[in-house]
Amino acid sequence: MTPFAGYDMPLQYAGIIAEHRHCRARAALFDVSHMGQAELTGPDAAAALETLVPGDLLGLADGAIRYTLFTNEAGGILDDLMVTRRGDGLFLVVNAACKDQDFAHMAHRLEGRATLKILSDRALLALQGPEAATVLGRLAPEAIPMGFMTARDLTVDGIPCQVSRSGYTGEDGYEISVPADRAEALARRLLAQPEVAPVGLGARDTLRLEAGLCLYGSDIDTTTTPIEAALAWTIGKRRREQGGFPGAAVILDQLKTGPARKRVGLRPEGKAPARAHTEVTDAAGRRIGEITSGGYGPTVGGPVAMGYVETGAAGDGSEVRFVVRGSALPGRVVKLPFAPHRYHRA
């Protein structure tokens, strides 16, 4: 166990590499109940939340999910979150370390336009991997035809749940919001399936890193904009044209003129990993950036990393150096993700 965002969390069960490979090959169960869950209700809920995020929520179909970002007036990222349209309302999942500030931010900024209800009585399980649909379909057949980034209410082995076909590993899979007092029963039922193994924080981090997905507090924070973070795809055409979200002037200007730095994939040559905060230089030794996440990629079979470098050095194949214990180790910029995404497309 290890402390994480105020919780005692399992770092590993059978070992990080074994758990990582099990998720890529079969089905892995993660307890992500530390994440914040909430409902935002009212006929103006989507329009109201659009005043805090750059995502197109008015265009979100009922039952569809969108990944978006809380931004500040400087264009920095306050948190990333998942938003699901549920009739007139929205279902939100935010990061554990940010949830208190996120909920206070929404309650203050959206007062009078929408009603925020924090769902502290719900747990969240993530079932990820190529055999996740087989497993969940055994307990809830309606889960099988669900498309990527959609959600619906399902009864899973007799337990009422809200199931989304989403996740943060790059694999097909589901996130299951379940009443907290039924979570252990559901987890034990899922773990009883022959394809499923429990997975801890360690493998969760290597999986999302290989998938090229940002970890809030490491790869994105209040000092990074969505454009610098290579998350321009989260801003739809209408929001680019209309603005109306915090930091729009900065973010939309970067869309037109380009940022000074960009988040990229990085591959050290050799076997030595380059960890977070490792300095990145050009061949002449001039500092051009810094790694934000790095380690060994079990699927890749070698060291992988993400970080920010000057835009002029961000092209695929650009040669860089990583300063590790005083030595400049060679590497290069590579296209993300490191492991192909295998999301289910209906």
Protein backbone atom coordinates (compact mmCIF):
# COMPACT_ATOMS: atom_id res chain seq x y z
CA MET A 1 0.00 0.00 0.00
CA THR A 2 1.10 3.56 -0.60
CA PRO A 3 -0.36 7.01 0.19
CA PHE A 4 -1.97 8.70 -2.82
CA ALA A 5 -4.14 11.83 -2.83
CA GLY A 6 -5.09 11.27 0.82
CA TYR A 7 -5.90 7.57 0.37
CA ASP A 8 -4.03 4.35 1.07
CA MET A 9 -3.81 2.75 -2.36
CA PRO A 10 -2.42 -0.60 -3.55
CA LEU A 11 0.81 -0.04 -5.47
CA GLN A 12 0.96 -3.62 -6.77
CA TYR A 13 -0.37 -7.16 -6.17
CA ALA A 14 1.55 -9.67 -8.34
CA GLY A 15 4.12 -7.12 -9.50
CA ILE A 16 3.87 -4.06 -11.74
CA ILE A 17 5.18 -5.70 -14.92
CA ALA A 18 3.00 -8.81 -14.51
CA GLU A 19 -0.08 -6.67 -13.84
CA HIS A 20 0.68 -4.40 -16.79
CA ARG A 21 1.00 -7.37 -19.15
CA HIS A 22 -2.16 -8.97 -17.76
CA CYS A 23 -4.14 -5.81 -18.60
CA ARG A 24 -2.74 -5.74 -22.15
CA ALA A 25 -3.56 -9.46 -22.64
CA ARG A 26 -6.69 -10.19 -20.60
CA ALA A 27 -8.70 -8.04 -18.13
CA ALA A 28 -7.54 -5.96 -15.15
CA LEU A 29 -9.63 -4.59 -12.31
CA PHE A 30 -8.68 -1.22 -10.79
CA ASP A 31 -10.28 0.37 -7.74
CA VAL A 32 -10.52 4.05 -8.70
CA SER A 33 -13.04 4.99 -6.04
CA HIS A 34 -10.77 7.83 -4.91
CA MET A 35 -11.79 9.78 -8.02
CA GLY A 36 -14.49 12.41 -7.50
CA GLN A 37 -17.96 11.76 -8.88
CA ALA A 38 -20.72 14.37 -9.14
CA GLU A 39 -23.90 15.31 -10.96
CA LEU A 40 -24.62 18.74 -12.39
CA THR A 41 -28.34 19.11 -13.02
CA GLY A 42 -30.73 21.65 -14.48
CA PRO A 43 -31.79 22.63 -18.00
CA ASP A 44 -28.81 25.04 -18.24
CA ALA A 45 -26.20 22.60 -16.88
CA ALA A 46 -24.24 22.04 -20.11
CA ALA A 47 -24.16 25.72 -21.06
CA ALA A 48 -23.15 26.64 -17.52
CA LEU A 49 -20.26 24.15 -17.42
CA GLU A 50 -19.06 25.41 -20.80
CA THR A 51 -18.16 28.67 -19.03
CA LEU A 52 -15.47 26.70 -17.14
CA VAL A 53 -14.15 24.30 -19.82
CA PRO A 54 -13.27 24.53 -23.55
CA GLY A 55 -15.08 21.31 -24.51
CA ASP A 56 -18.28 21.29 -26.59
CA LEU A 57 -20.85 20.06 -24.07
CA LEU A 58 -23.95 21.47 -25.79
CA GLY A 59 -23.20 19.15 -28.70
CA LEU A 60 -22.86 16.10 -26.48
CA ALA A 61 -25.55 13.50 -27.23
CA ASP A 62 -27.45 11.84 -24.38
CA GLY A 63 -25.30 8.99 -23.05
CA ALA A 64 -22.10 10.27 -24.71
CA ILE A 65 -18.87 11.10 -22.82
CA ARG A 66 -16.35 13.87 -23.44
CA TYR A 67 -12.86 14.41 -22.03
CA THR A 68 -12.33 18.07 -21.20
CA LEU A 69 -10.37 20.46 -18.97
CA PHE A 70 -11.01 23.09 -16.32
CA THR A 71 -8.88 26.08 -17.37
CA ASN A 72 -7.84 29.31 -15.64
CA GLU A 73 -7.68 32.85 -17.01
CA ALA A 74 -4.04 32.35 -18.07
CA GLY A 75 -4.99 29.28 -20.14
CA GLY A 76 -3.50 26.86 -17.59
CA ILE A 77 -5.18 23.56 -16.74
CA LEU A 78 -6.84 23.30 -13.31
CA ASP A 79 -7.83 19.64 -13.82
CA ASP A 80 -8.94 17.20 -16.50
CA LEU A 81 -12.30 15.44 -16.27
CA MET A 82 -14.80 13.18 -17.97
CA VAL A 83 -18.29 14.56 -18.66
CA THR A 84 -21.27 12.35 -19.54
CA ARG A 85 -24.57 13.78 -20.79
CA ARG A 86 -27.53 12.38 -18.84
CA GLY A 87 -30.71 14.02 -20.09
CA ASP A 88 -30.70 17.65 -18.97
CA GLY A 89 -27.85 16.96 -16.57
CA LEU A 90 -24.20 15.89 -16.59
CA PHE A 91 -22.24 13.20 -14.74
CA LEU A 92 -18.68 14.22 -13.91
CA VAL A 93 -15.55 12.30 -12.89
CA VAL A 94 -12.60 14.39 -11.67
CA ASN A 95 -9.17 13.61 -10.23
CA ALA A 96 -8.89 12.62 -6.57
CA ALA A 97 -6.24 15.20 -5.68
CA CYS A 98 -8.27 18.02 -7.27
CA LYS A 99 -11.83 17.06 -6.42
CA ASP A 100 -12.32 19.38 -3.44
CA GLN A 101 -11.11 22.42 -5.38
CA ASP A 102 -13.05 21.32 -8.50
CA PHE A 103 -16.32 21.00 -6.60
CA ALA A 104 -15.79 24.34 -4.82
CA HIS A 105 -14.92 25.94 -8.19
CA MET A 106 -18.14 24.67 -9.79
CA ALA A 107 -20.34 25.45 -6.79
CA HIS A 108 -19.07 29.04 -6.72
CA ARG A 109 -18.97 29.77 -10.47
CA LEU A 110 -22.19 27.99 -11.44
CA GLU A 111 -24.38 29.06 -8.51
CA GLY A 112 -27.88 29.91 -9.73
CA ARG A 113 -27.41 28.20 -13.11
CA ALA A 114 -27.05 24.52 -12.19
CA THR A 115 -27.16 22.32 -9.09
CA LEU A 116 -24.05 20.36 -8.08
CA LYS A 117 -24.49 17.10 -6.19
CA ILE A 118 -21.33 15.36 -4.97
CA LEU A 119 -21.76 11.59 -5.15
CA SER A 120 -19.68 10.57 -2.14
CA ASP A 121 -21.86 7.49 -1.69
CA ARG A 122 -20.60 5.90 -4.91
CA ALA A 123 -17.48 3.85 -5.69
CA LEU A 124 -15.78 3.51 -9.09
CA LEU A 125 -14.25 0.37 -10.57
CA ALA A 126 -12.36 0.17 -13.87
CA LEU A 127 -12.27 -3.09 -15.85
CA GLN A 128 -9.71 -2.78 -18.63
CA GLY A 129 -8.24 -5.08 -21.25
CA PRO A 130 -9.13 -6.98 -24.43
CA GLU A 131 -11.28 -9.48 -22.51
CA ALA A 132 -13.16 -6.84 -20.48
CA ALA A 133 -16.22 -7.02 -22.75
CA THR A 134 -16.36 -10.81 -22.44
CA VAL A 135 -16.23 -10.55 -18.66
CA LEU A 136 -18.74 -7.75 -18.19
CA GLY A 137 -21.00 -9.15 -20.90
CA ARG A 138 -21.28 -12.32 -18.84
CA LEU A 139 -22.79 -10.30 -15.97
CA ALA A 140 -24.55 -7.61 -18.03
CA PRO A 141 -25.06 -8.59 -21.71
CA GLU A 142 -26.11 -5.04 -22.67
CA ALA A 143 -22.51 -3.92 -22.05
CA ILE A 144 -21.18 -5.77 -25.09
CA PRO A 145 -22.57 -3.54 -27.90
CA MET A 146 -21.78 -0.26 -26.13
CA GLY A 147 -19.56 2.07 -28.16
CA PHE A 148 -16.39 3.79 -26.96
CA MET A 149 -17.10 6.89 -24.85
CA THR A 150 -20.74 6.04 -24.21
CA ALA A 151 -22.51 5.32 -20.93
CA ARG A 152 -25.74 3.75 -19.78
CA ASP A 153 -27.44 2.47 -16.66
CA LEU A 154 -27.07 -1.30 -16.36
CA THR A 155 -27.77 -3.96 -13.77
CA VAL A 156 -24.51 -5.84 -13.27
CA ASP A 157 -25.04 -9.16 -11.51
CA GLY A 158 -28.11 -7.71 -9.79
CA ILE A 159 -26.42 -4.42 -8.80
CA PRO A 160 -27.63 -1.14 -10.34
CA CYS A 161 -24.65 0.61 -11.92
CA GLN A 162 -23.76 3.36 -14.33
CA VAL A 163 -21.42 1.81 -16.86
CA SER A 164 -19.23 3.74 -19.30
CA ARG A 165 -17.11 2.22 -22.06
CA SER A 166 -14.02 4.22 -21.30
CA GLY A 167 -10.82 4.11 -19.30
CA TYR A 168 -7.28 5.40 -19.15
CA THR A 169 -5.07 2.49 -20.19
CA GLY A 170 -5.38 2.63 -23.97
CA GLU A 171 -7.26 -0.68 -23.87
CA ASP A 172 -10.92 -1.47 -24.43
CA GLY A 173 -12.80 -1.53 -21.16
CA TYR A 174 -15.33 -0.03 -18.79
CA GLU A 175 -15.62 2.23 -15.79
CA ILE A 176 -18.41 1.20 -13.42
CA SER A 177 -19.97 3.66 -10.97
CA VAL A 178 -21.59 1.57 -8.24
CA PRO A 179 -23.22 2.31 -4.87
CA ALA A 180 -20.38 2.22 -2.33
CA ASP A 181 -22.11 -0.36 -0.16
CA ARG A 182 -22.27 -2.76 -3.14
CA ALA A 183 -18.76 -2.12 -4.47
CA GLU A 184 -16.96 -4.92 -2.63
CA ALA A 185 -19.56 -7.46 -3.74
CA LEU A 186 -19.20 -6.35 -7.36
CA ALA A 187 -15.40 -6.32 -7.18
CA ARG A 188 -15.33 -9.86 -5.77
CA ARG A 189 -17.76 -11.03 -8.47
CA LEU A 190 -15.54 -9.55 -11.20
CA LEU A 191 -12.37 -10.96 -9.64
CA ALA A 192 -14.00 -14.39 -9.61
CA GLN A 193 -14.01 -14.37 -13.42
CA PRO A 194 -11.08 -16.38 -14.84
CA GLU A 195 -9.87 -13.53 -17.07
CA VAL A 196 -9.61 -10.90 -14.30
CA ALA A 197 -6.74 -9.95 -11.99
CA PRO A 198 -6.41 -6.99 -9.61
CA VAL A 199 -4.04 -4.22 -10.66
CA GLY A 200 -2.52 -1.43 -8.58
CA LEU A 201 -1.28 2.11 -9.04
CA GLY A 202 2.11 1.07 -10.42
CA ALA A 203 0.75 -0.66 -13.51
CA ARG A 204 -1.95 1.97 -13.90
CA ASP A 205 0.85 4.50 -14.37
CA THR A 206 2.88 2.45 -16.86
CA LEU A 207 -0.25 1.65 -18.89
CA ARG A 208 -1.35 5.28 -19.20
CA LEU A 209 2.22 6.38 -19.99
CA GLU A 210 2.51 3.88 -22.85
CA ALA A 211 -0.91 5.09 -24.05
CA GLY A 212 0.44 8.67 -24.12
CA LEU A 213 -2.23 9.90 -21.68
CA CYS A 214 -1.57 12.80 -19.34
CA LEU A 215 -1.39 12.47 -15.56
CA TYR A 216 -2.64 15.62 -13.86
CA GLY A 217 0.02 17.13 -11.64
CA SER A 218 2.80 15.57 -13.72
CA ASP A 219 2.14 16.15 -17.44
CA ILE A 220 -0.45 18.93 -17.12
CA ASP A 221 -1.06 21.56 -14.44
CA THR A 222 -1.81 25.25 -14.01
CA THR A 223 1.38 26.20 -15.90
CA THR A 224 0.51 24.23 -19.06
CA THR A 225 -2.13 25.11 -21.64
CA PRO A 226 -4.16 22.58 -23.65
CA ILE A 227 -2.26 23.55 -26.81
CA GLU A 228 1.16 23.06 -25.19
CA ALA A 229 -0.09 19.71 -23.85
CA ALA A 230 -1.10 18.51 -27.36
CA LEU A 231 -4.73 18.49 -26.24
CA ALA A 232 -6.06 20.87 -28.91
CA TRP A 233 -8.32 18.03 -30.06
CA THR A 234 -10.43 18.56 -26.92
CA ILE A 235 -11.58 21.97 -28.24
CA GLY A 236 -14.35 21.63 -30.82
CA LYS A 237 -14.95 23.90 -33.81
CA ARG A 238 -17.76 25.90 -32.17
CA ARG A 239 -15.75 26.60 -29.02
CA ARG A 240 -12.78 27.69 -31.14
CA GLU A 241 -15.03 30.14 -32.98
CA GLN A 242 -17.01 31.40 -29.98
CA GLY A 243 -14.56 31.16 -27.08
CA GLY A 244 -16.32 31.88 -23.79
CA PHE A 245 -14.14 29.75 -21.49
CA PRO A 246 -11.40 30.78 -19.03
CA GLY A 247 -8.13 31.55 -20.80
CA ALA A 248 -9.74 31.59 -24.24
CA ALA A 249 -7.64 34.54 -25.43
CA VAL A 250 -4.38 32.74 -24.62
CA ILE A 251 -5.47 29.32 -25.82
CA LEU A 252 -7.05 30.49 -29.09
CA ASP A 253 -4.00 32.64 -29.85
CA GLN A 254 -1.76 29.59 -29.37
CA LEU A 255 -3.99 27.66 -31.75
CA LYS A 256 -3.29 30.26 -34.44
CA THR A 257 0.36 31.06 -33.80
CA GLY A 258 1.60 27.87 -32.13
CA PRO A 259 2.99 27.46 -28.60
CA ALA A 260 6.63 27.93 -27.64
CA ARG A 261 6.81 24.38 -26.28
CA LYS A 262 4.95 21.10 -26.83
CA ARG A 263 4.34 17.84 -25.03
CA VAL A 264 5.99 14.99 -26.94
CA GLY A 265 6.93 11.35 -26.63
CA LEU A 266 10.59 10.67 -25.81
CA ARG A 267 12.61 7.47 -26.19
CA PRO A 268 15.96 7.17 -24.44
CA GLU A 269 18.40 4.93 -26.30
CA GLY A 270 19.74 2.02 -24.29
CA LYS A 271 18.08 0.55 -21.19
CA ALA A 272 18.39 3.36 -18.62
CA PRO A 273 15.04 5.10 -17.97
CA ALA A 274 14.80 8.88 -17.76
CA ARG A 275 12.45 9.85 -14.94
CA ALA A 276 10.27 12.88 -14.31
CA HIS A 277 12.13 16.21 -14.00
CA THR A 278 15.08 14.93 -16.07
CA GLU A 279 16.52 17.81 -18.07
CA VAL A 280 16.30 17.52 -21.87
CA THR A 281 18.99 19.21 -23.98
CA ASP A 282 19.94 19.44 -27.63
CA ALA A 283 23.11 17.82 -28.95
CA ALA A 284 25.11 20.93 -28.00
CA GLY A 285 24.00 20.70 -24.39
CA ARG A 286 21.51 23.59 -24.41
CA ARG A 287 18.46 22.98 -22.23
CA ILE A 288 15.35 22.64 -24.39
CA GLY A 289 12.88 21.00 -21.99
CA GLU A 290 12.10 18.57 -19.19
CA ILE A 291 10.57 15.12 -18.78
CA THR A 292 7.25 15.02 -16.91
CA SER A 293 6.67 11.23 -16.84
CA GLY A 294 9.17 8.49 -17.51
CA GLY A 295 9.99 4.88 -16.76
CA TYR A 296 10.10 1.39 -18.21
CA GLY A 297 7.37 0.43 -20.68
CA PRO A 298 6.67 -3.31 -20.32
CA THR A 299 4.78 -3.53 -23.64
CA VAL A 300 7.40 -1.47 -25.48
CA GLY A 301 10.19 -3.42 -23.79
CA GLY A 302 12.30 -0.38 -22.98
CA PRO A 303 12.37 3.08 -21.45
CA VAL A 304 9.65 5.56 -22.45
CA ALA A 305 8.93 9.12 -21.39
CA MET A 306 6.83 12.19 -22.05
CA GLY A 307 7.77 15.80 -21.54
CA TYR A 308 7.87 19.32 -22.90
CA VAL A 309 10.45 20.54 -25.39
CA GLU A 310 10.83 23.71 -27.42
CA THR A 311 8.55 23.56 -30.47
CA GLY A 312 11.52 23.76 -32.82
CA ALA A 313 12.83 20.48 -31.38
CA ALA A 314 9.44 18.73 -31.18
CA GLY A 315 9.42 17.05 -34.59
CA ASP A 316 9.27 13.25 -34.71
CA GLY A 317 12.79 11.82 -34.85
CA SER A 318 14.50 14.93 -33.43
CA GLU A 319 17.65 13.96 -31.54
CA VAL A 320 17.81 15.00 -27.87
CA ARG A 321 19.87 14.28 -24.76
CA PHE A 322 18.71 13.35 -21.27
CA VAL A 323 20.86 14.53 -18.37
CA VAL A 324 20.93 11.59 -15.94
CA ARG A 325 23.31 11.78 -12.97
CA GLY A 326 25.49 14.26 -14.86
CA SER A 327 25.69 12.24 -18.08
CA ALA A 328 24.00 13.27 -21.34
CA LEU A 329 22.27 10.13 -22.62
CA PRO A 330 21.08 10.06 -26.24
CA GLY A 331 17.44 9.79 -27.26
CA ARG A 332 14.87 11.10 -29.68
CA VAL A 333 11.40 12.55 -30.01
CA VAL A 334 8.79 9.99 -31.07
CA LYS A 335 5.12 10.02 -31.95
CA LEU A 336 2.61 9.13 -29.21
CA PRO A 337 1.20 6.72 -28.14
CA PHE A 338 3.98 4.22 -27.44
CA ALA A 339 1.46 1.33 -27.45
CA PRO A 340 -1.45 1.51 -29.96
CA HIS A 341 -4.85 2.39 -28.55
CA ARG A 342 -7.28 -0.52 -28.79
CA TYR A 343 -10.57 1.19 -27.92
CA HIS A 344 -13.79 -0.50 -29.00
CA ARG A 345 -15.37 1.15 -32.01
CA ALA A 346 -19.01 0.09 -32.47
